[in-house]
C-alpha cells in the first residue's frame, strides 16, 4: 500500500510577514460588513508538512486526492469549492453522496499532472504522501511553480503521538484556510463529545489484544503504532499487538502474529479483495490455527476510510468498540 507510506516534505522558511499574519486575531474586522466578513482571518499563514503558505483569501478552485480529505471538505460545507476529486477507497458516507455526485471525478486513482492542471485549480489537497509523488509529476514544488498551493493530510508527517489532537488540528487548519472556522470548531466540539461518550461506556474494561489485517500473503500488512489507526483501537477498548511498529502502516511476519496472540482481528474493508476472502485466507492458514482470534473466529470489520485521519474517526471508534465490546456498548 505505497499510497499510505508516510513521507515528509522539505521544510520551508517562514517569512516575517507570515509571522505577523499568523498572529492576527480573528474577528478584528467589523462583523456587520459583508466584505469584511469574507476577509476575516486573512491573511492566514500555516506550515503543513514542512511547507509554509500564506493565504490572502480562501482557495476557490480545489482538487482533492484521496477519500478522507474529500470528506473533510464535504463535512465543512465546501462542496462548491471543489472542481475535481480522485481516488476513493470505498463509498463516501450517505450524508455526502449528493454533494460528492456534484463534483467531477478526474481520475479513478491518482490523476496525472496534466489532469490536475486541466481543472485550473488554485489548491490541491492530498490525503497520502503518494498524492504528491514527485516522480509522477505531482510534487508540491511542481504544483507551486504552476501557481497551485497544496496541503497534505498531516497523518503523513505528524511526529507527536497524539493522533486525535492531530485530527482536530487538521480540521481546524482546513477550516481556517477556507474561512469556515465556525464550522470546523463545531465539528471538533461534537467529535470531542462523541469520543468522551465512548470512553465512558468502556470505563474499567480490560483492553482486548487486536491484530489489524489490511492485506498481504507472505507478510501481513497491518496498522502500526503511529497514526489514527492505532489510536482508534485504543479508544475502542483494544490494544494493537503491533503498536511497536514505528509507522502508521507496515509489514509484520506471520510468526509474530502467532507469537502475539491477538484475541480479535480487525479487517480493513476496501479494494477488490472482499472481507470474506480475507477471512478465508486467515482461517485456512494452518500456521494461524492456534491464534485465539482464529480459534474463536472473532473478527471486526472497518472500511479503510474509517481508519485514516478524517471526519469518520469519532463514529468509527464507537463502531469498533461495539464490535470488540458489544455488551458494554449496548447497555
Foldseek 3Di string as FASTA:
>chain_A
DVQAAFDADAADDDDPVQVVLQPDDFPPFDPVDPVSLQQTSPQHWDAASRDIDTDRGAWQEEEEAEDQVVVLCVLLVNLNSYAEYEEYQDDDDPVCVVSVVVHHHQYPHADAPVSVVVSVGQEYEYEGPVSQPVVRVRHQVSCVVVNHHYHYQRLSPDDDQPQVVSLLVSSCVSCSNNSNNVSSVVLNVVLVVLLVVLQVLCPPPAAFEEWEAEDDDQWGKGAELGAQLQVLSVSLRHHYLRPVPPGGIDTDGVVSVQVSQGQEYEYAAGDDQGPVNVLCSQLVDPSNCPRNCSVVVQYHYDHVSCRHSHSNPSVSSLRSSCSVPVVSSVD
